[in-house]
Amino acid sequence: SLGVASAMTVVALLLGGVVGWLLIRRSRHRGLEREH
């Protein structure tokens, strides 16, 4: 059970990091004025 839970946690952390990186990159590329 711990093996399965650990694998799911690692996948969730990696996916969250990639999505967060993409959102930050998009925000910096578009600029603050166009975003808000």
PDB file of all heavy atoms in Angstrom:
ATOM      1  N   SER A   1       0.827  -1.210   0.000  1.00  0.00           N
ATOM      2  CA  SER A   1       0.000   0.000   0.000  1.00  0.00           C
ATOM      3  C   SER A   1       0.858   1.256   0.000  1.00  0.00           C
ATOM      4  O   SER A   1       0.578   2.227  -0.705  1.00  0.00           O
ATOM      5  CB  SER A   1      -0.917   0.028   1.210  1.00  0.00           C
ATOM      6  OG  SER A   1      -1.774  -1.078   1.203  1.00  0.00           O
ATOM      7  N   LEU A   2       1.917   1.245   0.813  1.00  0.00           N
ATOM      8  CA  LEU A   2       2.810   2.405   0.855  1.00  0.00           C
ATOM      9  C   LEU A   2       3.536   2.587  -0.469  1.00  0.00           C
ATOM     10  O   LEU A   2       3.783   3.718  -0.888  1.00  0.00           O
ATOM     11  CB  LEU A   2       3.814   2.252   2.002  1.00  0.00           C
ATOM     12  CG  LEU A   2       3.248   2.422   3.403  1.00  0.00           C
ATOM     13  CD1 LEU A   2       4.317   2.131   4.441  1.00  0.00           C
ATOM     14  CD2 LEU A   2       2.689   3.811   3.597  1.00  0.00           C
ATOM     15  N   GLY A   3       3.862   1.494  -1.131  1.00  0.00           N
ATOM     16  CA  GLY A   3       4.512   1.588  -2.437  1.00  0.00           C
ATOM     17  C   GLY A   3       3.613   2.250  -3.463  1.00  0.00           C
ATOM     18  O   GLY A   3       4.040   3.127  -4.214  1.00  0.00           O
ATOM     19  N   VAL A   4       2.352   1.861  -3.493  1.00  0.00           N
ATOM     20  CA  VAL A   4       1.398   2.456  -4.437  1.00  0.00           C
ATOM     21  C   VAL A   4       1.154   3.921  -4.086  1.00  0.00           C
ATOM     22  O   VAL A   4       1.148   4.788  -4.961  1.00  0.00           O
ATOM     23  CB  VAL A   4       0.072   1.651  -4.429  1.00  0.00           C
ATOM     24  CG1 VAL A   4      -0.991   2.367  -5.229  1.00  0.00           C
ATOM     25  CG2 VAL A   4       0.299   0.262  -4.985  1.00  0.00           C
ATOM     26  N   ALA A   5       0.971   4.218  -2.804  1.00  0.00           N
ATOM     27  CA  ALA A   5       0.722   5.601  -2.389  1.00  0.00           C
ATOM     28  C   ALA A   5       1.933   6.486  -2.683  1.00  0.00           C
ATOM     29  O   ALA A   5       1.787   7.636  -3.119  1.00  0.00           O
ATOM     30  CB  ALA A   5       0.383   5.647  -0.904  1.00  0.00           C
ATOM     31  N   SER A   6       3.135   5.962  -2.470  1.00  0.00           N
ATOM     32  CA  SER A   6       4.343   6.733  -2.758  1.00  0.00           C
ATOM     33  C   SER A   6       4.476   7.020  -4.245  1.00  0.00           C
ATOM     34  O   SER A   6       4.835   8.135  -4.640  1.00  0.00           O
ATOM     35  CB  SER A   6       5.581   5.981  -2.272  1.00  0.00           C
ATOM     36  OG  SER A   6       5.523   5.792  -0.885  1.00  0.00           O
ATOM     37  N   ALA A   7       4.183   6.037  -5.069  1.00  0.00           N
ATOM     38  CA  ALA A   7       4.261   6.245  -6.517  1.00  0.00           C
ATOM     39  C   ALA A   7       3.251   7.291  -6.970  1.00  0.00           C
ATOM     40  O   ALA A   7       3.572   8.166  -7.786  1.00  0.00           O
ATOM     41  CB  ALA A   7       4.011   4.918  -7.245  1.00  0.00           C
ATOM     42  N   MET A   8       2.039   7.243  -6.433  1.00  0.00           N
ATOM     43  CA  MET A   8       1.027   8.232  -6.800  1.00  0.00           C
ATOM     44  C   MET A   8       1.421   9.625  -6.316  1.00  0.00           C
ATOM     45  O   MET A   8       1.178  10.615  -7.013  1.00  0.00           O
ATOM     46  CB  MET A   8      -0.337   7.823  -6.225  1.00  0.00           C
ATOM     47  CG  MET A   8      -0.917   6.615  -6.911  1.00  0.00           C
ATOM     48  SD  MET A   8      -2.400   5.937  -6.146  1.00  0.00           S
ATOM     49  CE  MET A   8      -3.448   7.330  -5.977  1.00  0.00           C
ATOM     50  N   THR A   9       2.054   9.720  -5.152  1.00  0.00           N
ATOM     51  CA  THR A   9       2.502  11.016  -4.628  1.00  0.00           C
ATOM     52  C   THR A   9       3.591  11.605  -5.504  1.00  0.00           C
ATOM     53  O   THR A   9       3.571  12.802  -5.818  1.00  0.00           O
ATOM     54  CB  THR A   9       3.012  10.850  -3.182  1.00  0.00           C
ATOM     55  OG1 THR A   9       1.950  10.319  -2.377  1.00  0.00           O
ATOM     56  CG2 THR A   9       3.471  12.174  -2.609  1.00  0.00           C
ATOM     57  N   VAL A  10       4.538  10.784  -5.923  1.00  0.00           N
ATOM     58  CA  VAL A  10       5.617  11.268  -6.789  1.00  0.00           C
ATOM     59  C   VAL A  10       5.059  11.756  -8.123  1.00  0.00           C
ATOM     60  O   VAL A  10       5.437  12.821  -8.613  1.00  0.00           O
ATOM     61  CB  VAL A  10       6.677  10.160  -6.995  1.00  0.00           C
ATOM     62  CG1 VAL A  10       7.652  10.522  -8.100  1.00  0.00           C
ATOM     63  CG2 VAL A  10       7.419   9.904  -5.696  1.00  0.00           C
ATOM     64  N   VAL A  11       4.129  11.015  -8.699  1.00  0.00           N
ATOM     65  CA  VAL A  11       3.521  11.431  -9.969  1.00  0.00           C
ATOM     66  C   VAL A  11       2.761  12.738  -9.787  1.00  0.00           C
ATOM     67  O   VAL A  11       2.855  13.642 -10.628  1.00  0.00           O
ATOM     68  CB  VAL A  11       2.593  10.314 -10.513  1.00  0.00           C
ATOM     69  CG1 VAL A  11       1.755  10.814 -11.671  1.00  0.00           C
ATOM     70  CG2 VAL A  11       3.417   9.117 -10.944  1.00  0.00           C
ATOM     71  N   ALA A  12       2.018  12.882  -8.692  1.00  0.00           N
ATOM     72  CA  ALA A  12       1.260  14.119  -8.444  1.00  0.00           C
ATOM     73  C   ALA A  12       2.199  15.307  -8.265  1.00  0.00           C
ATOM     74  O   ALA A  12       1.927  16.402  -8.781  1.00  0.00           O
ATOM     75  CB  ALA A  12       0.374  13.952  -7.213  1.00  0.00           C
ATOM     76  N   LEU A  13       3.300  15.124  -7.544  1.00  0.00           N
ATOM     77  CA  LEU A  13       4.253  16.219  -7.354  1.00  0.00           C
ATOM     78  C   LEU A  13       4.906  16.632  -8.675  1.00  0.00           C
ATOM     79  O   LEU A  13       5.055  17.830  -8.959  1.00  0.00           O
ATOM     80  CB  LEU A  13       5.330  15.813  -6.342  1.00  0.00           C
ATOM     81  CG  LEU A  13       4.878  15.756  -4.888  1.00  0.00           C
ATOM     82  CD1 LEU A  13       5.981  15.166  -4.010  1.00  0.00           C
ATOM     83  CD2 LEU A  13       4.496  17.135  -4.400  1.00  0.00           C
ATOM     84  N   LEU A  14       5.286  15.658  -9.478  1.00  0.00           N
ATOM     85  CA  LEU A  14       5.893  15.976 -10.779  1.00  0.00           C
ATOM     86  C   LEU A  14       4.901  16.698 -11.690  1.00  0.00           C
ATOM     87  O   LEU A  14       5.241  17.694 -12.327  1.00  0.00           O
ATOM     88  CB  LEU A  14       6.400  14.703 -11.451  1.00  0.00           C
ATOM     89  CG  LEU A  14       7.635  14.070 -10.825  1.00  0.00           C
ATOM     90  CD1 LEU A  14       7.947  12.736 -11.501  1.00  0.00           C
ATOM     91  CD2 LEU A  14       8.823  15.007 -10.919  1.00  0.00           C
ATOM     92  N   LEU A  15       3.680  16.205 -11.745  1.00  0.00           N
ATOM     93  CA  LEU A  15       2.666  16.833 -12.586  1.00  0.00           C
ATOM     94  C   LEU A  15       2.339  18.236 -12.097  1.00  0.00           C
ATOM     95  O   LEU A  15       2.204  19.166 -12.900  1.00  0.00           O
ATOM     96  CB  LEU A  15       1.398  15.970 -12.615  1.00  0.00           C
ATOM     97  CG  LEU A  15       0.319  16.380 -13.598  1.00  0.00           C
ATOM     98  CD1 LEU A  15       0.850  16.329 -15.025  1.00  0.00           C
ATOM     99  CD2 LEU A  15      -0.882  15.471 -13.467  1.00  0.00           C
ATOM    100  N   GLY A  16       2.239  18.433 -10.786  1.00  0.00           N
ATOM    101  CA  GLY A  16       1.988  19.763 -10.234  1.00  0.00           C
ATOM    102  C   GLY A  16       3.123  20.719 -10.528  1.00  0.00           C
ATOM    103  O   GLY A  16       2.905  21.894 -10.836  1.00  0.00           O
ATOM    104  N   GLY A  17       4.364  20.230 -10.446  1.00  0.00           N
ATOM    105  CA  GLY A  17       5.514  21.070 -10.771  1.00  0.00           C
ATOM    106  C   GLY A  17       5.537  21.500 -12.223  1.00  0.00           C
ATOM    107  O   GLY A  17       5.808  22.663 -12.538  1.00  0.00           O
ATOM    108  N   VAL A  18       5.211  20.577 -13.121  1.00  0.00           N
ATOM    109  CA  VAL A  18       5.192  20.907 -14.551  1.00  0.00           C
ATOM    110  C   VAL A  18       4.077  21.905 -14.862  1.00  0.00           C
ATOM    111  O   VAL A  18       4.292  22.890 -15.577  1.00  0.00           O
ATOM    112  CB  VAL A  18       5.023  19.619 -15.398  1.00  0.00           C
ATOM    113  CG1 VAL A  18       4.717  19.942 -16.845  1.00  0.00           C
ATOM    114  CG2 VAL A  18       6.281  18.766 -15.290  1.00  0.00           C
ATOM    115  N   VAL A  19       2.895  21.694 -14.310  1.00  0.00           N
ATOM    116  CA  VAL A  19       1.783  22.616 -14.553  1.00  0.00           C
ATOM    117  C   VAL A  19       2.088  23.993 -13.963  1.00  0.00           C
ATOM    118  O   VAL A  19       1.839  25.031 -14.592  1.00  0.00           O
ATOM    119  CB  VAL A  19       0.458  22.040 -13.989  1.00  0.00           C
ATOM    120  CG1 VAL A  19      -0.649  23.085 -14.002  1.00  0.00           C
ATOM    121  CG2 VAL A  19       0.036  20.821 -14.774  1.00  0.00           C
ATOM    122  N   GLY A  20       2.659  24.038 -12.760  1.00  0.00           N
ATOM    123  CA  GLY A  20       3.028  25.315 -12.151  1.00  0.00           C
ATOM    124  C   GLY A  20       4.077  26.050 -12.966  1.00  0.00           C
ATOM    125  O   GLY A  20       3.991  27.264 -13.181  1.00  0.00           O
ATOM    126  N   TRP A  21       5.075  25.310 -13.457  1.00  0.00           N
ATOM    127  CA  TRP A  21       6.116  25.914 -14.290  1.00  0.00           C
ATOM    128  C   TRP A  21       5.520  26.487 -15.573  1.00  0.00           C
ATOM    129  O   TRP A  21       5.871  27.593 -15.994  1.00  0.00           O
ATOM    130  CB  TRP A  21       7.182  24.863 -14.603  1.00  0.00           C
ATOM    131  CG  TRP A  21       8.279  25.358 -15.483  1.00  0.00           C
ATOM    132  CD1 TRP A  21       9.305  26.177 -15.134  1.00  0.00           C
ATOM    133  CD2 TRP A  21       8.435  25.084 -16.877  1.00  0.00           C
ATOM    134  NE1 TRP A  21      10.100  26.412 -16.220  1.00  0.00           N
ATOM    135  CE2 TRP A  21       9.592  25.760 -17.309  1.00  0.00           C
ATOM    136  CE3 TRP A  21       7.720  24.325 -17.791  1.00  0.00           C
ATOM    137  CZ2 TRP A  21      10.039  25.700 -18.619  1.00  0.00           C
ATOM    138  CZ3 TRP A  21       8.170  24.261 -19.094  1.00  0.00           C
ATOM    139  CH2 TRP A  21       9.301  24.942 -19.495  1.00  0.00           C
ATOM    140  N   LEU A  22       4.595  25.740 -16.187  1.00  0.00           N
ATOM    141  CA  LEU A  22       3.958  26.239 -17.414  1.00  0.00           C
ATOM    142  C   LEU A  22       3.130  27.493 -17.148  1.00  0.00           C
ATOM    143  O   LEU A  22       3.128  28.430 -17.950  1.00  0.00           O
ATOM    144  CB  LEU A  22       3.086  25.153 -18.037  1.00  0.00           C
ATOM    145  CG  LEU A  22       3.843  24.005 -18.711  1.00  0.00           C
ATOM    146  CD1 LEU A  22       2.862  22.909 -19.129  1.00  0.00           C
ATOM    147  CD2 LEU A  22       4.634  24.503 -19.900  1.00  0.00           C
ATOM    148  N   LEU A  23       2.416  27.538 -16.028  1.00  0.00           N
ATOM    149  CA  LEU A  23       1.612  28.715 -15.707  1.00  0.00           C
ATOM    150  C   LEU A  23       2.486  29.937 -15.438  1.00  0.00           C
ATOM    151  O   LEU A  23       2.174  31.048 -15.887  1.00  0.00           O
ATOM    152  CB  LEU A  23       0.719  28.434 -14.500  1.00  0.00           C
ATOM    153  CG  LEU A  23      -0.465  27.493 -14.748  1.00  0.00           C
ATOM    154  CD1 LEU A  23      -1.159  27.172 -13.436  1.00  0.00           C
ATOM    155  CD2 LEU A  23      -1.427  28.094 -15.748  1.00  0.00           C
ATOM    156  N   ILE A  24       3.588  29.748 -14.731  1.00  0.00           N
ATOM    157  CA  ILE A  24       4.501  30.864 -14.467  1.00  0.00           C
ATOM    158  C   ILE A  24       5.133  31.349 -15.761  1.00  0.00           C
ATOM    159  O   ILE A  24       5.235  32.554 -16.012  1.00  0.00           O
ATOM    160  CB  ILE A  24       5.569  30.445 -13.435  1.00  0.00           C
ATOM    161  CG1 ILE A  24       4.919  30.274 -12.071  1.00  0.00           C
ATOM    162  CG2 ILE A  24       6.702  31.462 -13.370  1.00  0.00           C
ATOM    163  CD1 ILE A  24       5.831  29.664 -11.023  1.00  0.00           C
ATOM    164  N   ARG A  25       5.534  30.412 -16.590  1.00  0.00           N
ATOM    165  CA  ARG A  25       6.147  30.792 -17.874  1.00  0.00           C
ATOM    166  C   ARG A  25       5.159  31.556 -18.755  1.00  0.00           C
ATOM    167  O   ARG A  25       5.510  32.546 -19.385  1.00  0.00           O
ATOM    168  CB  ARG A  25       6.639  29.532 -18.572  1.00  0.00           C
ATOM    169  CG  ARG A  25       7.409  29.808 -19.806  1.00  0.00           C
ATOM    170  CD  ARG A  25       8.022  28.570 -20.350  1.00  0.00           C
ATOM    171  NE  ARG A  25       8.530  28.892 -21.678  1.00  0.00           N
ATOM    172  CZ  ARG A  25       9.024  28.032 -22.489  1.00  0.00           C
ATOM    173  NH1 ARG A  25       9.105  26.777 -22.134  1.00  0.00           N
ATOM    174  NH2 ARG A  25       9.452  28.388 -23.675  1.00  0.00           N
ATOM    175  N   ARG A  26       3.915  31.080 -18.801  1.00  0.00           N
ATOM    176  CA  ARG A  26       2.890  31.768 -19.596  1.00  0.00           C
ATOM    177  C   ARG A  26       2.637  33.170 -19.055  1.00  0.00           C
ATOM    178  O   ARG A  26       2.491  34.136 -19.808  1.00  0.00           O
ATOM    179  CB  ARG A  26       1.590  30.967 -19.582  1.00  0.00           C
ATOM    180  CG  ARG A  26       0.547  31.539 -20.538  1.00  0.00           C
ATOM    181  CD  ARG A  26      -0.762  30.868 -20.342  1.00  0.00           C
ATOM    182  NE  ARG A  26      -1.526  31.762 -19.468  1.00  0.00           N
ATOM    183  CZ  ARG A  26      -2.679  31.467 -18.924  1.00  0.00           C
ATOM    184  NH1 ARG A  26      -3.201  30.292 -19.078  1.00  0.00           N
ATOM    185  NH2 ARG A  26      -3.312  32.336 -18.182  1.00  0.00           N
ATOM    186  N   SER A  27       2.589  33.305 -17.736  1.00  0.00           N
ATOM    187  CA  SER A  27       2.338  34.598 -17.124  1.00  0.00           C
ATOM    188  C   SER A  27       3.464  35.583 -17.434  1.00  0.00           C
ATOM    189  O   SER A  27       3.209  36.750 -17.745  1.00  0.00           O
ATOM    190  CB  SER A  27       2.196  34.422 -15.615  1.00  0.00           C
ATOM    191  OG  SER A  27       2.129  35.659 -14.972  1.00  0.00           O
ATOM    192  N   ARG A  28       4.697  35.119 -17.368  1.00  0.00           N
ATOM    193  CA  ARG A  28       5.834  35.996 -17.662  1.00  0.00           C
ATOM    194  C   ARG A  28       5.910  36.347 -19.140  1.00  0.00           C
ATOM    195  O   ARG A  28       6.322  37.443 -19.506  1.00  0.00           O
ATOM    196  CB  ARG A  28       7.128  35.342 -17.216  1.00  0.00           C
ATOM    197  CG  ARG A  28       7.261  35.315 -15.716  1.00  0.00           C
ATOM    198  CD  ARG A  28       8.563  34.723 -15.293  1.00  0.00           C
ATOM    199  NE  ARG A  28       8.668  34.722 -13.835  1.00  0.00           N
ATOM    200  CZ  ARG A  28       9.611  34.111 -13.164  1.00  0.00           C
ATOM    201  NH1 ARG A  28      10.563  33.459 -13.803  1.00  0.00           N
ATOM    202  NH2 ARG A  28       9.623  34.157 -11.855  1.00  0.00           N
ATOM    203  N   HIS A  29       5.514  35.427 -19.984  1.00  0.00           N
ATOM    204  CA  HIS A  29       5.549  35.680 -21.425  1.00  0.00           C
ATOM    205  C   HIS A  29       4.484  36.698 -21.843  1.00  0.00           C
ATOM    206  O   HIS A  29       4.739  37.562 -22.663  1.00  0.00           O
ATOM    207  CB  HIS A  29       5.341  34.368 -22.188  1.00  0.00           C
ATOM    208  CG  HIS A  29       5.316  34.539 -23.668  1.00  0.00           C
ATOM    209  ND1 HIS A  29       6.436  34.868 -24.396  1.00  0.00           N
ATOM    210  CD2 HIS A  29       4.297  34.445 -24.556  1.00  0.00           C
ATOM    211  CE1 HIS A  29       6.097  34.968 -25.671  1.00  0.00           C
ATOM    212  NE2 HIS A  29       4.803  34.711 -25.797  1.00  0.00           N
ATOM    213  N   ARG A  30       3.298  36.584 -21.265  1.00  0.00           N
ATOM    214  CA  ARG A  30       2.209  37.486 -21.629  1.00  0.00           C
ATOM    215  C   ARG A  30       2.374  38.855 -20.997  1.00  0.00           C
ATOM    216  O   ARG A  30       1.857  39.841 -21.508  1.00  0.00           O
ATOM    217  CB  ARG A  30       0.862  36.896 -21.199  1.00  0.00           C
ATOM    218  CG  ARG A  30       0.512  35.640 -21.991  1.00  0.00           C
ATOM    219  CD  ARG A  30      -0.753  35.038 -21.520  1.00  0.00           C
ATOM    220  NE  ARG A  30      -1.866  35.898 -21.894  1.00  0.00           N
ATOM    221  CZ  ARG A  30      -3.116  35.668 -21.561  1.00  0.00           C
ATOM    222  NH1 ARG A  30      -3.414  34.636 -20.827  1.00  0.00           N
ATOM    223  NH2 ARG A  30      -4.068  36.469 -21.949  1.00  0.00           N
ATOM    224  N   GLY A  31       3.022  38.935 -19.886  1.00  0.00           N
ATOM    225  CA  GLY A  31       3.207  40.205 -19.207  1.00  0.00           C
ATOM    226  C   GLY A  31       2.064  40.486 -18.256  1.00  0.00           C
ATOM    227  O   GLY A  31       0.955  39.983 -18.395  1.00  0.00           O
ATOM    228  N   LEU A  32       2.335  41.331 -17.282  1.00  0.00           N
ATOM    229  CA  LEU A  32       1.341  41.623 -16.251  1.00  0.00           C
ATOM    230  C   LEU A  32       0.197  42.466 -16.793  1.00  0.00           C
ATOM    231  O   LEU A  32      -0.953  42.292 -16.425  1.00  0.00           O
ATOM    232  CB  LEU A  32       2.021  42.343 -15.079  1.00  0.00           C
ATOM    233  CG  LEU A  32       1.156  42.622 -13.865  1.00  0.00           C
ATOM    234  CD1 LEU A  32       0.636  41.302 -13.289  1.00  0.00           C
ATOM    235  CD2 LEU A  32       1.945  43.367 -12.816  1.00  0.00           C
ATOM    236  N   GLU A  33       0.481  43.395 -17.705  1.00  0.00           N
ATOM    237  CA  GLU A  33      -0.545  44.308 -18.219  1.00  0.00           C
ATOM    238  C   GLU A  33      -1.616  43.554 -19.004  1.00  0.00           C
ATOM    239  O   GLU A  33      -2.802  43.839 -18.893  1.00  0.00           O
ATOM    240  CB  GLU A  33       0.110  45.371 -19.109  1.00  0.00           C
ATOM    241  CG  GLU A  33      -0.812  46.515 -19.476  1.00  0.00           C
ATOM    242  CD  GLU A  33      -1.222  47.331 -18.256  1.00  0.00           C
ATOM    243  OE1 GLU A  33      -0.455  47.418 -17.296  1.00  0.00           O
ATOM    244  OE2 GLU A  33      -2.351  47.861 -18.275  1.00  0.00           O
ATOM    245  N   ARG A  34      -1.219  42.589 -19.800  1.00  0.00           N
ATOM    246  CA  ARG A  34      -2.214  41.832 -20.578  1.00  0.00           C
ATOM    247  C   ARG A  34      -2.973  40.845 -19.697  1.00  0.00           C
ATOM    248  O   ARG A  34      -4.106  40.522 -19.971  1.00  0.00           O
ATOM    249  CB  ARG A  34      -1.518  41.070 -21.703  1.00  0.00           C
ATOM    250  CG  ARG A  34      -1.241  41.966 -22.873  1.00  0.00           C
ATOM    251  CD  ARG A  34      -0.835  41.132 -24.049  1.00  0.00           C
ATOM    252  NE  ARG A  34       0.540  41.531 -24.398  1.00  0.00           N
ATOM    253  CZ  ARG A  34       1.426  40.762 -24.957  1.00  0.00           C
ATOM    254  NH1 ARG A  34       1.137  39.530 -25.246  1.00  0.00           N
ATOM    255  NH2 ARG A  34       2.613  41.199 -25.245  1.00  0.00           N
ATOM    256  N   GLU A  35      -2.321  40.362 -18.660  1.00  0.00           N
ATOM    257  CA  GLU A  35      -2.972  39.403 -17.776  1.00  0.00           C
ATOM    258  C   GLU A  35      -4.055  40.081 -16.933  1.00  0.00           C
ATOM    259  O   GLU A  35      -5.131  39.551 -16.745  1.00  0.00           O
ATOM    260  CB  GLU A  35      -1.916  38.759 -16.860  1.00  0.00           C
ATOM    261  CG  GLU A  35      -2.427  37.622 -16.028  1.00  0.00           C
ATOM    262  CD  GLU A  35      -2.682  36.366 -16.855  1.00  0.00           C
ATOM    263  OE1 GLU A  35      -2.020  36.170 -17.884  1.00  0.00           O
ATOM    264  OE2 GLU A  35      -3.553  35.598 -16.450  1.00  0.00           O
ATOM    265  N   HIS A  36      -3.761  41.284 -16.416  1.00  0.00           N
ATOM    266  CA  HIS A  36      -4.705  42.020 -15.582  1.00  0.00           C
ATOM    267  C   HIS A  36      -4.788  43.454 -16.105  1.00  0.00           C
ATOM    268  O   HIS A  36      -4.059  44.321 -15.642  1.00  0.00           O
ATOM    269  CB  HIS A  36      -4.235  42.034 -14.122  1.00  0.00           C
ATOM    270  CG  HIS A  36      -4.053  40.670 -13.555  1.00  0.00           C
ATOM    271  ND1 HIS A  36      -5.102  39.870 -13.205  1.00  0.00           N
ATOM    272  CD2 HIS A  36      -2.934  39.953 -13.291  1.00  0.00           C
ATOM    273  CE1 HIS A  36      -4.641  38.728 -12.738  1.00  0.00           C
ATOM    274  NE2 HIS A  36      -3.326  38.757 -12.789  1.00  0.00           N
TER     275      HIS A  36
END
